Protein backbone atom coordinates (compact mmCIF):
# COMPACT_ATOMS: atom_id res chain seq x y z
CA MET A 1 -1.48 -22.72 0.65
CA ILE A 2 -4.73 -24.47 1.56
CA GLY A 3 -6.89 -24.04 4.63
CA VAL A 4 -8.74 -27.20 5.67
CA ARG A 5 -11.71 -27.73 7.94
CA VAL A 6 -13.96 -30.72 8.49
CA ASP A 7 -17.68 -30.05 8.13
CA GLY A 8 -20.52 -31.69 10.08
CA LEU A 9 -20.62 -34.66 7.70
CA GLY A 10 -16.92 -35.34 8.08
CA TYR A 11 -15.85 -34.05 4.66
CA ALA A 12 -12.67 -32.01 4.34
CA VAL A 13 -13.41 -28.61 2.83
CA GLN A 14 -10.50 -26.67 1.36
CA VAL A 15 -9.94 -23.10 0.24
CA ARG A 16 -6.82 -21.42 -1.05
CA HIS A 17 -5.68 -17.89 -0.33
CA GLN A 18 -5.84 -17.06 -4.03
CA GLN A 19 -9.43 -18.33 -4.20
CA ILE A 20 -10.45 -15.90 -1.46
CA LEU A 21 -8.74 -13.02 -3.25
CA ASP A 22 -10.35 -13.99 -6.54
CA LYS A 23 -13.81 -13.86 -4.94
CA LEU A 24 -13.40 -10.18 -4.01
CA ALA A 25 -14.52 -9.22 -7.54
CA VAL A 26 -12.66 -7.58 -10.40
CA GLY A 27 -10.59 -4.54 -9.42
CA ALA A 28 -7.23 -3.42 -8.12
CA VAL A 29 -7.78 -3.92 -4.37
CA ALA A 30 -6.90 -7.61 -3.95
CA PRO A 31 -3.87 -7.80 -6.28
CA THR A 32 -2.50 -4.50 -4.96
CA ALA A 33 -2.85 -5.56 -1.32
CA ARG A 34 -1.18 -8.88 -2.10
CA ASP A 35 1.72 -7.25 -3.94
CA GLU A 36 2.32 -4.74 -1.17
CA VAL A 37 2.29 -7.39 1.55
CA ARG A 38 4.80 -9.36 -0.48
CA ILE A 39 7.08 -6.34 -1.03
CA LEU A 40 7.42 -5.98 2.73
CA ALA A 41 7.53 -9.73 3.39
CA GLN A 42 10.42 -10.17 0.95
CA LYS A 43 12.56 -7.64 2.79
CA SER A 44 11.55 -8.98 6.20
CA PHE A 45 12.24 -12.58 5.16
CA TYR A 46 15.86 -11.82 4.23
CA SER A 47 16.43 -9.60 7.24
CA ALA A 48 15.01 -12.24 9.58
CA ARG A 49 17.17 -14.96 8.03
CA HIS A 50 20.32 -12.94 8.74
CA GLN A 51 19.18 -12.65 12.36
CA GLY A 52 18.48 -16.36 12.66
CA LEU A 53 14.70 -15.86 12.72
CA GLU A 54 12.06 -17.80 10.83
CA GLY A 55 9.89 -16.25 8.13
CA ALA A 56 8.68 -12.67 7.71
CA GLN A 57 8.24 -10.71 10.94
CA HIS A 58 5.00 -9.07 12.08
CA ALA A 59 6.68 -5.78 13.03
CA ASP A 60 8.21 -5.39 9.56
CA VAL A 61 4.99 -5.91 7.63
CA VAL A 62 1.70 -5.50 9.49
CA PRO A 63 2.01 -1.94 10.92
CA ALA A 64 3.11 -0.56 7.54
CA MET A 65 0.20 -2.25 5.75
CA LYS A 66 -2.37 -0.99 8.26
CA GLU A 67 -0.96 2.53 7.99
CA ARG A 68 -0.93 2.42 4.19
CA TRP A 69 -4.59 1.31 3.95
CA HIS A 70 -6.13 3.00 6.98
CA PHE A 71 -7.90 5.71 4.96
CA VAL A 72 -10.02 2.97 3.36
CA LEU A 73 -10.28 0.70 6.41
CA ASP A 74 -11.65 3.51 8.59
CA ALA A 75 -14.95 3.33 6.67
CA ALA A 76 -15.65 -0.08 8.24
CA ARG A 77 -15.05 1.07 11.80
CA PRO A 78 -17.83 2.26 14.14
CA GLY A 79 -18.67 5.94 14.31
CA THR A 80 -18.01 6.84 10.68
CA ASP A 81 -20.54 8.35 8.28
CA ALA A 82 -19.33 6.23 5.36
CA SER A 83 -21.72 5.20 2.60
CA GLU A 84 -22.64 1.55 2.11
CA SER A 85 -20.35 1.38 -0.91
CA GLU A 86 -17.43 2.76 1.10
CA ARG A 87 -18.09 0.32 3.95
CA MET A 88 -18.27 -2.67 1.63
CA ASN A 89 -15.05 -1.62 -0.10
CA ALA A 90 -13.38 -1.30 3.31
CA TYR A 91 -14.49 -4.83 4.21
CA LYS A 92 -13.07 -6.14 0.94
CA VAL A 93 -9.77 -4.43 1.76
CA ALA A 94 -9.75 -6.00 5.24
CA ILE A 95 -10.33 -9.45 3.73
CA ALA A 96 -7.62 -8.90 1.11
CA LEU A 97 -5.11 -7.72 3.71
CA ALA A 98 -5.87 -10.48 6.22
CA THR A 99 -5.69 -13.12 3.49
CA SER A 100 -2.47 -11.78 1.99
CA LEU A 101 -0.82 -11.56 5.41
CA HIS A 102 -1.90 -15.11 6.30
CA GLU A 103 -0.44 -16.31 3.00
CA VAL A 104 3.04 -15.06 4.00
CA GLY A 105 2.81 -16.51 7.50
CA LEU A 106 1.47 -13.51 9.39
CA THR A 107 -1.74 -12.59 11.16
CA ASP A 108 -3.17 -9.60 13.00
CA PRO A 109 -6.12 -10.08 15.38
CA GLU A 110 -7.77 -6.74 14.55
CA LEU A 111 -7.53 -7.23 10.79
CA THR A 112 -8.66 -10.85 11.03
CA GLU A 113 -11.80 -9.98 12.97
CA LEU A 114 -12.53 -7.01 10.69
CA ALA A 115 -12.20 -9.40 7.75
CA VAL A 116 -14.54 -11.94 9.38
CA ASP A 117 -17.07 -9.17 10.09
CA GLY A 118 -16.64 -8.13 6.47
CA ILE A 119 -17.43 -11.60 5.16
CA HIS A 120 -20.72 -11.56 7.10
CA GLU A 121 -21.55 -7.98 6.08
CA LEU A 122 -20.85 -8.63 2.40
CA ASN A 123 -23.04 -11.72 2.56
CA ASP A 124 -25.89 -9.89 4.30
CA ALA A 125 -25.80 -7.22 1.60
CA VAL A 126 -25.50 -9.87 -1.15
CA TRP A 127 -22.53 -7.86 -2.39
CA LEU A 128 -20.41 -10.64 -3.89
CA GLY A 129 -22.87 -13.37 -4.84
CA GLU A 130 -23.75 -16.95 -3.99
CA ASP A 131 -20.32 -18.51 -4.51
CA PHE A 132 -18.79 -16.18 -1.92
CA LEU A 133 -21.62 -17.05 0.48
CA ARG A 134 -21.11 -20.79 0.02
CA ARG A 135 -17.43 -20.56 1.02
CA THR A 136 -18.02 -18.43 4.12
CA ASP A 137 -17.08 -21.08 6.68
CA ASP A 138 -14.02 -22.15 4.70
CA MET A 139 -12.73 -18.58 4.41
CA ILE A 140 -13.24 -17.84 8.09
CA ALA A 141 -11.59 -21.12 9.08
CA LEU A 142 -8.52 -20.26 7.01
CA LEU A 143 -8.22 -16.70 8.31
CA ARG A 144 -8.50 -17.85 11.94
CA SER A 145 -6.03 -20.72 11.52
CA SER A 146 -2.36 -20.43 12.46
CA PRO A 147 -0.39 -19.47 9.34
CA ALA A 148 2.73 -21.35 8.27
CA PRO A 149 5.90 -19.19 8.33
CA LEU A 150 7.51 -18.32 5.02
CA THR A 151 10.20 -20.72 3.89
CA ARG A 152 11.15 -18.93 0.67
CA LYS A 153 10.93 -15.47 -0.86
CA PRO A 154 7.41 -14.58 -2.04
CA THR A 155 7.10 -13.38 -5.63
CA THR A 156 5.38 -10.21 -6.86
CA ARG A 157 3.94 -9.19 -10.19
CA GLU A 158 6.10 -7.48 -12.79
CA THR A 159 6.75 -3.84 -11.94
CA ILE A 160 4.50 -1.50 -13.88
CA THR A 161 3.12 1.98 -13.27
CA PHE A 162 0.27 4.01 -14.69
CA THR A 163 1.94 7.29 -13.72
CA ARG A 164 3.38 9.51 -16.46
CA GLY A 165 6.10 12.11 -16.71
CA GLY A 166 4.68 15.49 -15.67
CA ASP A 167 2.22 14.03 -13.15
CA LEU A 168 1.81 15.75 -9.79
CA LEU A 169 1.04 13.30 -7.00
CA ALA A 170 -0.38 14.40 -3.65
CA ILE A 171 0.54 11.92 -0.90
CA ARG A 172 -1.91 11.85 1.98
CA LEU A 173 -0.39 11.26 5.40
CA ARG A 174 -2.07 11.31 8.81
CA ARG A 175 -2.04 15.08 9.34
CA ARG A 176 -0.75 16.57 6.10
CA TRP A 177 -0.22 16.17 2.37
CA VAL A 178 3.14 15.97 0.61
CA VAL A 179 3.42 16.51 -3.16
CA GLY A 180 5.73 14.78 -5.63
CA HIS A 181 6.60 15.63 -9.24
CA VAL A 182 7.12 12.76 -11.69
CA HIS A 183 10.04 13.78 -13.91
CA VAL A 184 10.08 10.73 -16.19
CA VAL A 185 9.07 7.07 -16.18
CA ASP A 186 11.80 4.50 -16.87
CA GLY A 187 11.49 1.48 -19.11
CA PRO A 188 8.18 0.19 -20.43
CA ASN A 189 6.01 2.02 -17.87
CA ALA A 190 8.05 0.70 -14.96
CA TYR A 191 9.70 3.19 -12.57
CA PRO A 192 8.58 6.80 -12.03
CA HIS A 193 11.35 9.24 -11.02
CA ILE A 194 9.79 11.39 -8.29
CA GLU A 195 11.06 14.55 -6.61
CA LEU A 196 9.19 15.79 -3.55
CA TYR A 197 8.31 19.41 -2.81
CA GLU A 198 9.34 21.11 0.42
CA ARG A 199 5.95 22.68 1.13
CA THR A 200 3.30 20.51 2.79
CA PHE A 201 -0.43 21.05 3.22
CA ALA A 202 -3.13 20.42 5.81
CA ARG A 203 -5.61 19.56 3.03
CA ARG A 204 -5.39 18.27 -0.52
CA PRO A 205 -3.54 21.01 -2.44
CA ASP A 206 -4.20 22.50 -5.82
CA ALA A 207 -1.44 22.16 -8.40
CA SER A 208 -1.09 25.95 -8.65
CA GLU A 209 0.08 26.03 -5.03
CA VAL A 210 3.12 23.84 -5.63
CA VAL A 211 4.30 24.12 -9.25
CA GLY A 212 7.70 25.83 -9.36
CA THR A 213 8.16 25.90 -5.58
CA ARG A 214 11.20 24.55 -3.73
CA ALA A 215 12.13 20.89 -3.80
CA TRP A 216 12.77 18.87 -0.68
CA GLY A 217 16.16 17.22 -0.32
CA TYR A 218 17.52 14.54 1.97
CA ALA A 219 19.97 15.91 4.54
CA TYR A 220 22.82 13.55 5.37
CA LEU A 221 24.17 13.63 8.91
CA GLY A 222 27.13 15.99 9.21
CA ARG A 223 26.43 17.91 5.99
CA ASP A 224 25.40 21.54 5.91
CA GLN A 225 23.44 21.28 2.67
CA ALA A 226 20.72 18.80 1.74
CA ASN A 227 21.03 16.85 -1.50
CA VAL A 228 18.93 16.87 -4.63
CA THR A 229 16.76 13.80 -4.04
CA ARG A 230 15.10 11.96 -6.89
CA LEU A 231 13.43 8.69 -6.04
CA ILE A 232 13.09 5.88 -8.60
CA VAL A 233 10.02 4.11 -7.28
CA SER A 234 8.87 0.51 -7.68
CA GLY A 235 5.45 -0.70 -6.57
CA LEU A 236 3.50 2.48 -7.41
CA ARG A 237 1.12 0.90 -9.88
CA HIS A 238 -2.43 2.25 -9.88
CA LEU A 239 -3.95 5.71 -10.19
CA PRO A 240 -6.50 6.11 -8.70
CA ASP A 241 -4.70 4.49 -5.79
CA PRO A 242 -6.82 1.66 -4.26
CA ALA A 243 -5.55 2.70 -0.80
CA GLU A 244 -6.74 6.28 -1.42
CA GLN A 245 -3.39 7.62 -0.22
CA ILE A 246 -1.80 8.86 -3.46
CA HIS A 247 -3.83 11.28 -5.57
CA LEU A 248 -3.18 12.61 -9.07
CA ILE A 249 -3.72 16.38 -8.90
CA ALA A 250 -2.28 17.43 -12.28
CA SER A 251 -0.77 16.02 -15.47
CA GLY A 252 1.61 17.42 -18.07
CA VAL A 253 3.43 19.72 -15.63
CA THR A 254 6.63 20.88 -17.33
CA VAL A 255 8.04 23.09 -14.55
CA PRO A 256 10.06 20.91 -12.14
CA PRO A 257 10.56 21.60 -8.44
CA ASP A 258 13.14 24.32 -7.76
CA ASN A 259 16.20 22.54 -6.34
CA ALA A 260 18.75 25.33 -6.81
CA HIS A 261 19.26 25.48 -3.03
CA LEU A 262 20.25 21.78 -2.87
CA PHE A 263 23.61 20.10 -3.49
CA ASP A 264 23.52 18.16 -6.77
CA GLU A 265 25.68 15.03 -6.84
CA GLN A 266 24.71 14.47 -10.49
CA ILE A 267 23.19 11.05 -9.85
CA ILE A 268 20.10 9.85 -11.69
CA GLY A 269 18.25 8.88 -8.54
CA THR A 270 17.87 6.43 -5.67
CA HIS A 271 15.88 3.22 -6.08
CA VAL A 272 13.14 2.85 -3.45
CA ASP A 273 9.94 0.88 -3.11
CA LEU A 274 6.53 2.39 -2.42
CA PHE A 275 6.93 2.12 1.36
CA GLU A 276 10.32 3.81 1.28
CA LEU A 277 8.76 6.62 -0.78
CA LEU A 278 6.11 7.05 1.92
CA GLU A 279 8.81 7.08 4.61
CA MET A 280 10.64 9.80 2.69
CA ALA A 281 7.38 11.76 2.43
CA ARG A 282 7.03 11.61 6.22
CA SER A 283 10.52 13.14 6.46
CA VAL A 284 9.56 16.25 4.53
CA GLY A 285 9.85 19.05 7.05
CA GLY A 286 8.67 22.16 5.25
CA GLU A 287 6.06 24.54 6.63
CA THR A 288 2.53 23.13 6.39
CA GLU A 289 0.04 25.38 4.60
CA LEU A 290 -3.48 25.50 6.05
């Protein structure tokens, strides 16, 4: 998609969403943000179509993206003691999110204005170079324009993960941390099989506090015993996580979570995407350690 404006001399100036993302420098932020927006937009697009609605829906995509990336975005908000590097990274995230949302037909006023502020701040700090500076007006014009609703399913990159069997992943939520154990990774580095622990923490835990402790299981309505719950996750690509939400706290852990108290249906696992994994993590109801 192309954003068009007419400059003072009457010439049409164009910029594509991908061009904006490409200008955010080498790294995982822009492609990860774009993939994650598209994961949610795909699901929303099909759900909306069944309801007779047009395109992806704001409520299905934007709140989840802002929640996923808020640990990074907070560095760009007033009243924080973030370093310049953290602030500039937060602005790049805001631009990547606003651009990726606009590309799938969505916009959010707060993210758009944070992205516009970020464009100016990155220019003032000469953070991304002259080419970025030259396209400032074009980028802002695109982000502030009305996006076109999706008319077909957006594509994502091939599923790949840099997690490994035996990894311990600490998932940072608003007020606590939940830990997951990667049993194995399917295919050519594609889908980690993750089992969550029952115990949660008020701060980032040490591996010694969770290894060998009880597993969390999903409790179906009307059943007395929760099930063994292994999640086969797509969309969990990078470690370190660009959103600073999922942290590797140990590798090569051979002792799995203790799920002897759970009912085992002898299934390999349940396929979920990254956002469904995070929703499961929010469901973990064990006692939170201080």
